[in-house]
Amino acid sequence: MSSGGEDWKALRKRFNPGFAPQHLMTLLPSIVETATIFINHLDSFARNMEEFSLQSLATNLTFDVIGKLVLDNDMGAQRSRPSEFMRVFHELIQTFTSEQIDLPWWCTPRLEWKRSCLAKQVRSTLETIIRDAYAERNEDTKPCSILSMSLQDVDDLSPDIMDVTCDQLSSFLFAGHDTTSTTIAWVIYELSRTPHALRAVRAELDEIFSPDSSPAAGASHLLVPGGEQLVHRMSYASAVIKEMLRLWPPGATARMTKPGDGLKITLRTSEDSSGTERWLQDDIADKIPAGAWRAFERDPCNCIGQELATIEARIVIELAARRYDFTKVGLGAVTLDNSTDKAGDV
């Protein structure tokens, strides 16, 4: 994540083919299979009328998607008993959530020792996965994982290549799981409190796929030849995702500007309100400048995983938006005014 210059260019060149939209679509069956497990969990909570953490479910979903598509490895994050790697990785993440995180290392030696041991275990497992992928990289038995594609032109798996690849995989796991799962949670929350947008999404899905909202029907439409084209046709759902990323960007960048004179010029008055339709305007005067939306930052150093994140979110919308009526409980719960079709925070 901290590479620059020629080092960054070489790394980006290695991993770009795996994250290319056309390659990700060859892995669509894996995304659908993993998302179906997510839907099964939602079904269970709906049947039992249980409250649950959507963020936690979405996080586990995203871990499984990254595991399958990037590593060609079953994380088992959505199972009651996840894989050993998943257990260790979760435990490692927890060491960074302590209130003591800002203290010098010598004030928390036990925590530092635990973090070091867990990091070594994660590193060791990633090295094993990389060696296996390198050994099998030229086999044509199934679609290549993103890791396998990054190793296609590697003639020698040197210690330097191993270290750099481990670092990149760690970045994909650490940064990718949280941002994508947060986006999914925000999308579902905003749809639950914006009835007109939910109706528009459902109408679009009925038109593109079929009125049958069952998981089996949704999966079958996506898995037939040409199913990837149906995903690209989800223009309103894509606009919802784009608007949520504008309002609630899960990953922000440091922004520095020159000191000004304090004058603030407001170009638009709806920047703080949800307005999916802003991304569907045909009128040139109303169109948003291309550089104004920077949820994944801008070329050339934009987020390499942005296409994967939005595909995953669209699949979740296709499978879940018509099947459930979500209701937020606790902080952020809303009341709907049916006469105005607006939601108000409680």
Protein backbone atom coordinates (compact mmCIF):
# COMPACT_ATOMS: atom_id res chain seq x y z
CA MET A 1 0.00 0.00 0.00
CA SER A 2 2.98 2.29 0.54
CA SER A 3 4.80 1.48 -2.71
CA GLY A 4 5.48 4.21 -5.22
CA GLY A 5 7.25 4.94 -8.47
CA GLU A 6 8.55 2.01 -10.49
CA ASP A 7 7.95 -0.46 -7.65
CA TRP A 8 4.27 0.44 -7.62
CA LYS A 9 4.03 0.20 -11.41
CA ALA A 10 5.54 -3.30 -11.40
CA LEU A 11 3.15 -4.47 -8.66
CA ARG A 12 0.13 -2.95 -10.36
CA LYS A 13 1.10 -4.60 -13.63
CA ARG A 14 1.31 -7.99 -11.91
CA PHE A 15 -2.10 -7.80 -10.24
CA ASN A 16 -4.11 -5.80 -12.79
CA PRO A 17 -5.04 -8.81 -14.99
CA GLY A 18 -6.59 -10.64 -12.03
CA PHE A 19 -8.76 -7.67 -11.08
CA ALA A 20 -9.79 -6.87 -14.67
CA PRO A 21 -13.61 -6.88 -15.07
CA GLN A 22 -13.55 -9.53 -17.79
CA HIS A 23 -11.56 -11.91 -15.58
CA LEU A 24 -13.70 -11.26 -12.51
CA MET A 25 -16.76 -12.25 -14.51
CA THR A 26 -15.22 -15.69 -15.11
CA LEU A 27 -15.24 -16.04 -11.32
CA LEU A 28 -18.90 -15.00 -11.03
CA PRO A 29 -20.04 -18.54 -10.04
CA SER A 30 -17.80 -18.39 -6.97
CA ILE A 31 -19.26 -15.02 -5.94
CA VAL A 32 -22.82 -16.30 -6.41
CA GLU A 33 -22.10 -19.49 -4.48
CA THR A 34 -20.65 -17.53 -1.57
CA ALA A 35 -23.45 -14.94 -1.62
CA THR A 36 -26.02 -17.75 -1.51
CA ILE A 37 -24.60 -18.83 1.86
CA PHE A 38 -25.07 -15.23 3.01
CA ILE A 39 -28.72 -15.39 1.89
CA ASN A 40 -29.21 -18.67 3.76
CA HIS A 41 -28.08 -16.95 6.97
CA LEU A 42 -30.53 -14.10 6.34
CA ASP A 43 -33.30 -16.64 5.77
CA SER A 44 -32.55 -18.23 9.13
CA PHE A 45 -32.72 -14.91 10.97
CA ALA A 46 -35.92 -13.95 9.14
CA ARG A 47 -37.65 -17.23 10.00
CA ASN A 48 -36.78 -16.85 13.68
CA MET A 49 -37.45 -13.09 13.76
CA GLU A 50 -34.03 -12.54 15.30
CA GLU A 51 -32.11 -9.29 15.44
CA PHE A 52 -28.61 -9.59 13.99
CA SER A 53 -25.56 -7.60 12.98
CA LEU A 54 -25.63 -7.10 9.22
CA GLN A 55 -22.07 -5.76 9.33
CA SER A 56 -20.80 -9.04 10.80
CA LEU A 57 -22.60 -11.15 8.19
CA ALA A 58 -21.36 -8.93 5.36
CA THR A 59 -17.81 -9.08 6.74
CA ASN A 60 -17.85 -12.88 6.73
CA LEU A 61 -19.27 -12.87 3.21
CA THR A 62 -16.52 -10.58 1.99
CA PHE A 63 -13.80 -12.67 3.62
CA ASP A 64 -15.12 -15.74 1.81
CA VAL A 65 -15.25 -13.90 -1.52
CA ILE A 66 -11.68 -12.65 -1.13
CA GLY A 67 -10.55 -16.11 -0.07
CA LYS A 68 -12.06 -17.81 -3.12
CA LEU A 69 -11.30 -15.24 -5.79
CA VAL A 70 -7.93 -13.97 -4.62
CA LEU A 71 -6.41 -16.99 -2.86
CA ASP A 72 -8.50 -19.88 -4.23
CA ASN A 73 -8.87 -20.86 -0.59
CA ASP A 74 -11.96 -21.71 1.44
CA MET A 75 -11.90 -19.36 4.43
CA GLY A 76 -15.08 -20.79 5.89
CA ALA A 77 -15.83 -17.40 7.44
CA GLN A 78 -19.59 -17.94 7.08
CA ARG A 79 -19.52 -21.35 8.72
CA SER A 80 -20.11 -21.89 12.44
CA ARG A 81 -16.54 -23.17 12.62
CA PRO A 82 -14.33 -21.10 10.30
CA SER A 83 -10.95 -22.26 9.06
CA GLU A 84 -7.92 -22.03 11.32
CA PHE A 85 -6.50 -19.26 9.15
CA MET A 86 -9.71 -17.27 9.51
CA ARG A 87 -9.71 -17.74 13.28
CA VAL A 88 -6.11 -16.54 13.57
CA PHE A 89 -6.69 -13.59 11.23
CA HIS A 90 -9.74 -12.46 13.21
CA GLU A 91 -7.74 -12.73 16.41
CA LEU A 92 -4.96 -10.66 14.85
CA ILE A 93 -7.42 -7.93 13.83
CA GLN A 94 -8.77 -7.81 17.38
CA THR A 95 -5.31 -6.87 18.68
CA PHE A 96 -5.68 -3.58 16.79
CA THR A 97 -9.06 -2.71 18.33
CA SER A 98 -7.80 -2.31 21.88
CA GLU A 99 -7.99 1.05 23.62
CA GLN A 100 -4.27 0.64 24.22
CA ILE A 101 -3.47 0.80 20.51
CA ASP A 102 -1.85 4.26 20.81
CA LEU A 103 0.42 3.34 23.69
CA PRO A 104 4.16 2.68 23.08
CA TRP A 105 4.99 -0.98 22.60
CA TRP A 106 6.83 -1.22 25.90
CA CYS A 107 3.61 -0.35 27.76
CA THR A 108 1.80 -3.37 26.29
CA PRO A 109 4.48 -6.07 25.88
CA ARG A 110 2.02 -8.95 26.18
CA LEU A 111 -0.23 -7.51 23.47
CA GLU A 112 2.77 -6.88 21.22
CA TRP A 113 4.00 -10.44 21.72
CA LYS A 114 0.55 -11.85 20.93
CA ARG A 115 0.26 -9.70 17.80
CA SER A 116 3.70 -10.79 16.62
CA CYS A 117 2.89 -14.49 17.09
CA LEU A 118 -0.43 -14.19 15.26
CA ALA A 119 1.14 -12.21 12.42
CA LYS A 120 3.75 -14.93 11.96
CA GLN A 121 1.02 -17.57 11.75
CA VAL A 122 -0.86 -15.56 9.13
CA ARG A 123 2.35 -15.01 7.19
CA SER A 124 3.23 -18.69 7.27
CA THR A 125 -0.19 -19.70 5.93
CA LEU A 126 -0.04 -17.10 3.16
CA GLU A 127 3.40 -18.36 2.12
CA THR A 128 2.02 -21.90 1.84
CA ILE A 129 -0.90 -20.67 -0.27
CA ILE A 130 1.50 -18.76 -2.55
CA ARG A 131 3.75 -21.79 -3.03
CA ASP A 132 0.75 -23.95 -3.92
CA ALA A 133 -0.56 -21.34 -6.37
CA TYR A 134 2.89 -21.02 -7.96
CA ALA A 135 3.12 -24.78 -8.45
CA GLU A 136 -0.35 -24.94 -10.04
CA ARG A 137 -0.30 -21.65 -11.94
CA ASN A 138 -0.20 -23.21 -15.42
CA GLU A 139 -2.97 -25.74 -14.86
CA ASP A 140 -6.12 -25.08 -16.89
CA THR A 141 -8.55 -27.11 -14.82
CA LYS A 142 -10.52 -24.09 -13.54
CA PRO A 143 -10.60 -20.28 -13.73
CA CYS A 144 -7.41 -18.75 -12.35
CA SER A 145 -7.48 -17.06 -8.98
CA ILE A 146 -6.16 -13.51 -8.80
CA LEU A 147 -3.08 -14.81 -7.00
CA SER A 148 -2.40 -17.41 -9.70
CA MET A 149 -2.67 -14.79 -12.43
CA SER A 150 -0.19 -12.56 -10.61
CA LEU A 151 2.32 -15.43 -10.67
CA GLN A 152 1.93 -16.31 -14.36
CA ASP A 153 5.07 -14.49 -15.47
CA VAL A 154 7.13 -15.23 -12.36
CA ASP A 155 9.99 -17.56 -13.31
CA ASP A 156 11.49 -17.85 -9.86
CA LEU A 157 9.61 -17.59 -6.57
CA SER A 158 12.44 -15.74 -4.85
CA PRO A 159 12.30 -14.53 -1.24
CA ASP A 160 11.73 -10.98 -2.51
CA ILE A 161 8.78 -12.06 -4.68
CA MET A 162 7.39 -14.06 -1.77
CA ASP A 163 7.64 -11.10 0.62
CA VAL A 164 6.04 -8.65 -1.78
CA THR A 165 3.23 -11.06 -2.66
CA CYS A 166 2.54 -11.75 1.02
CA ASP A 167 2.35 -8.02 1.66
CA GLN A 168 -0.15 -7.54 -1.17
CA LEU A 169 -2.36 -10.42 -0.04
CA SER A 170 -2.35 -9.05 3.50
CA SER A 171 -3.44 -5.67 2.13
CA PHE A 172 -6.26 -7.23 0.10
CA LEU A 173 -7.50 -9.14 3.14
CA PHE A 174 -7.14 -6.34 5.67
CA ALA A 175 -8.37 -3.40 3.59
CA GLY A 176 -10.75 -5.23 1.26
CA HIS A 177 -12.95 -7.05 3.76
CA ASP A 178 -13.92 -4.02 5.82
CA THR A 179 -14.59 -1.53 3.04
CA THR A 180 -16.75 -3.87 0.95
CA SER A 181 -18.77 -5.18 3.89
CA THR A 182 -19.38 -1.63 5.14
CA THR A 183 -20.60 -0.61 1.68
CA ILE A 184 -23.04 -3.55 1.58
CA ALA A 185 -24.37 -2.68 5.04
CA TRP A 186 -24.87 0.99 4.12
CA VAL A 187 -26.61 0.09 0.85
CA ILE A 188 -29.11 -2.16 2.61
CA TYR A 189 -29.68 0.39 5.38
CA GLU A 190 -30.32 3.27 2.99
CA LEU A 191 -32.65 1.16 0.85
CA SER A 192 -34.58 0.19 3.98
CA ARG A 193 -35.27 3.83 4.79
CA THR A 194 -35.77 5.12 1.23
CA PRO A 195 -38.91 3.40 -0.12
CA HIS A 196 -38.88 5.01 -3.56
CA ALA A 197 -35.31 3.82 -4.18
CA LEU A 198 -36.17 0.32 -2.97
CA ARG A 199 -39.18 0.21 -5.29
CA ALA A 200 -37.02 1.32 -8.21
CA VAL A 201 -34.39 -1.33 -7.45
CA ARG A 202 -37.02 -4.06 -7.22
CA ALA A 203 -38.65 -2.95 -10.48
CA GLU A 204 -35.29 -3.01 -12.23
CA LEU A 205 -34.53 -6.51 -10.93
CA ASP A 206 -37.96 -7.77 -12.02
CA GLU A 207 -37.31 -6.43 -15.51
CA ILE A 208 -33.74 -7.71 -15.87
CA PHE A 209 -34.13 -11.09 -14.21
CA SER A 210 -37.70 -12.20 -13.44
CA PRO A 211 -40.36 -11.55 -10.79
CA ASP A 212 -39.20 -14.73 -9.03
CA SER A 213 -37.12 -13.45 -6.10
CA SER A 214 -36.06 -16.84 -4.73
CA PRO A 215 -32.29 -17.36 -4.27
CA ALA A 216 -32.37 -20.35 -6.62
CA ALA A 217 -33.94 -18.30 -9.41
CA GLY A 218 -31.59 -15.38 -8.83
CA ALA A 219 -28.54 -17.62 -8.90
CA SER A 220 -29.70 -19.47 -12.01
CA HIS A 221 -30.09 -16.23 -13.97
CA LEU A 222 -26.58 -15.17 -13.03
CA LEU A 223 -24.96 -18.51 -13.83
CA VAL A 224 -26.34 -19.08 -17.32
CA PRO A 225 -24.23 -17.98 -20.31
CA GLY A 226 -24.58 -14.23 -20.58
CA GLY A 227 -25.34 -13.83 -16.88
CA GLU A 228 -22.49 -11.36 -16.52
CA GLN A 229 -24.28 -9.04 -18.95
CA LEU A 230 -27.29 -8.98 -16.63
CA VAL A 231 -25.05 -7.71 -13.84
CA HIS A 232 -23.87 -4.87 -16.07
CA ARG A 233 -27.50 -3.93 -16.82
CA MET A 234 -28.23 -3.16 -13.15
CA SER A 235 -27.89 0.59 -13.71
CA TYR A 236 -30.17 1.77 -10.89
CA ALA A 237 -28.63 -0.65 -8.38
CA SER A 238 -25.19 0.56 -9.47
CA ALA A 239 -26.32 4.15 -8.93
CA VAL A 240 -27.48 3.23 -5.41
CA ILE A 241 -24.04 1.79 -4.65
CA LYS A 242 -22.37 4.86 -6.08
CA GLU A 243 -24.53 7.19 -4.01
CA MET A 244 -23.86 5.24 -0.81
CA LEU A 245 -20.14 5.41 -1.46
CA ARG A 246 -20.47 9.16 -1.97
CA LEU A 247 -22.40 9.65 1.28
CA TRP A 248 -20.59 7.09 3.42
CA PRO A 249 -17.14 6.37 1.96
CA PRO A 250 -15.68 3.47 3.99
CA GLY A 251 -12.11 4.39 3.11
CA ALA A 252 -11.02 8.02 3.05
CA THR A 253 -7.80 9.64 1.94
CA ALA A 254 -5.80 12.45 3.49
CA ARG A 255 -6.79 15.72 1.88
CA MET A 256 -4.61 18.81 2.11
CA THR A 257 -5.28 22.15 0.46
CA LYS A 258 -3.66 25.52 0.53
CA PRO A 259 -5.00 27.93 3.16
CA GLY A 260 -7.74 30.11 1.73
CA ASP A 261 -9.56 33.25 2.82
CA GLY A 262 -12.48 31.35 4.36
CA LEU A 263 -14.90 31.93 1.47
CA LYS A 264 -17.07 28.86 0.82
CA ILE A 265 -18.87 28.51 -2.49
CA THR A 266 -21.78 26.05 -2.58
CA LEU A 267 -22.31 24.57 -6.03
CA ARG A 268 -25.11 22.18 -5.07
CA THR A 269 -27.58 22.10 -2.19
CA SER A 270 -28.25 18.36 -1.97
CA GLU A 271 -24.80 17.09 -1.11
CA ASP A 272 -25.86 15.75 2.31
CA SER A 273 -29.05 14.00 1.18
CA SER A 274 -29.44 10.69 -0.58
CA GLY A 275 -30.22 11.12 -4.26
CA THR A 276 -29.57 8.05 -6.39
CA GLU A 277 -31.06 9.72 -9.45
CA ARG A 278 -28.21 12.23 -9.55
CA TRP A 279 -26.10 9.51 -11.23
CA LEU A 280 -28.74 8.77 -13.88
CA GLN A 281 -29.18 12.28 -15.29
CA ASP A 282 -29.23 12.62 -19.07
CA ASP A 283 -29.11 16.41 -19.06
CA ILE A 284 -25.51 17.51 -19.55
CA ALA A 285 -26.07 20.48 -17.23
CA ASP A 286 -27.07 18.15 -14.39
CA LYS A 287 -24.33 15.59 -14.88
CA ILE A 288 -21.72 15.23 -12.17
CA PRO A 289 -18.14 15.90 -13.34
CA ALA A 290 -16.20 12.66 -13.66
CA GLY A 291 -13.59 13.76 -11.15
CA ALA A 292 -16.12 14.72 -8.46
CA TRP A 293 -16.84 11.15 -7.34
CA ARG A 294 -13.73 9.71 -5.69
CA ALA A 295 -14.87 6.82 -3.52
CA PHE A 296 -12.03 4.70 -4.93
CA GLU A 297 -9.82 7.71 -5.62
CA ARG A 298 -8.65 8.45 -9.14
CA ASP A 299 -6.36 6.98 -11.78
CA PRO A 300 -3.71 5.79 -11.93
CA CYS A 301 -3.45 4.90 -8.23
CA ASN A 302 -7.12 4.13 -7.71
CA CYS A 303 -8.30 1.11 -5.73
CA ILE A 304 -7.41 -2.05 -7.64
CA GLY A 305 -10.32 -3.94 -6.07
CA GLN A 306 -13.11 -1.49 -6.89
CA GLU A 307 -14.68 -3.66 -9.62
CA LEU A 308 -14.73 -6.70 -7.33
CA ALA A 309 -16.35 -4.66 -4.55
CA THR A 310 -19.13 -3.31 -6.76
CA ILE A 311 -19.82 -6.68 -8.40
CA GLU A 312 -20.17 -8.28 -4.97
CA ALA A 313 -22.53 -5.52 -3.83
CA ARG A 314 -24.67 -5.88 -6.97
CA ILE A 315 -24.96 -9.65 -6.47
CA VAL A 316 -26.12 -9.09 -2.88
CA ILE A 317 -28.71 -6.57 -4.05
CA GLU A 318 -29.98 -8.97 -6.73
CA LEU A 319 -30.39 -11.81 -4.24
CA ALA A 320 -31.65 -9.84 -1.22
CA ALA A 321 -33.45 -6.63 -2.25
CA ARG A 322 -36.73 -8.31 -3.24
CA ARG A 323 -36.63 -11.12 -0.72
CA TYR A 324 -36.48 -9.13 2.52
CA ASP A 325 -37.81 -6.00 4.15
CA PHE A 326 -34.98 -4.85 6.41
CA THR A 327 -35.66 -2.85 9.57
CA LYS A 328 -32.90 -1.11 11.49
CA VAL A 329 -33.08 -1.50 15.26
CA GLY A 330 -31.28 0.46 17.93
CA LEU A 331 -29.09 3.39 16.95
CA GLY A 332 -30.09 4.65 13.51
CA ALA A 333 -33.59 3.16 13.58
CA VAL A 334 -36.03 5.08 11.40
CA THR A 335 -39.71 5.88 11.18
CA LEU A 336 -41.29 6.04 7.74
CA ASP A 337 -43.78 8.74 6.83
CA ASN A 338 -45.90 6.94 4.24
CA SER A 339 -47.56 10.14 3.14
CA THR A 340 -44.29 11.73 2.02
CA ASP A 341 -42.21 8.61 1.36
CA LYS A 342 -39.48 10.02 3.55
CA ALA A 343 -37.64 8.54 6.47
CA GLY A 344 -36.74 10.25 9.68
CA ASP A 345 -34.14 9.24 12.22
CA VAL A 346 -35.46 8.14 15.59
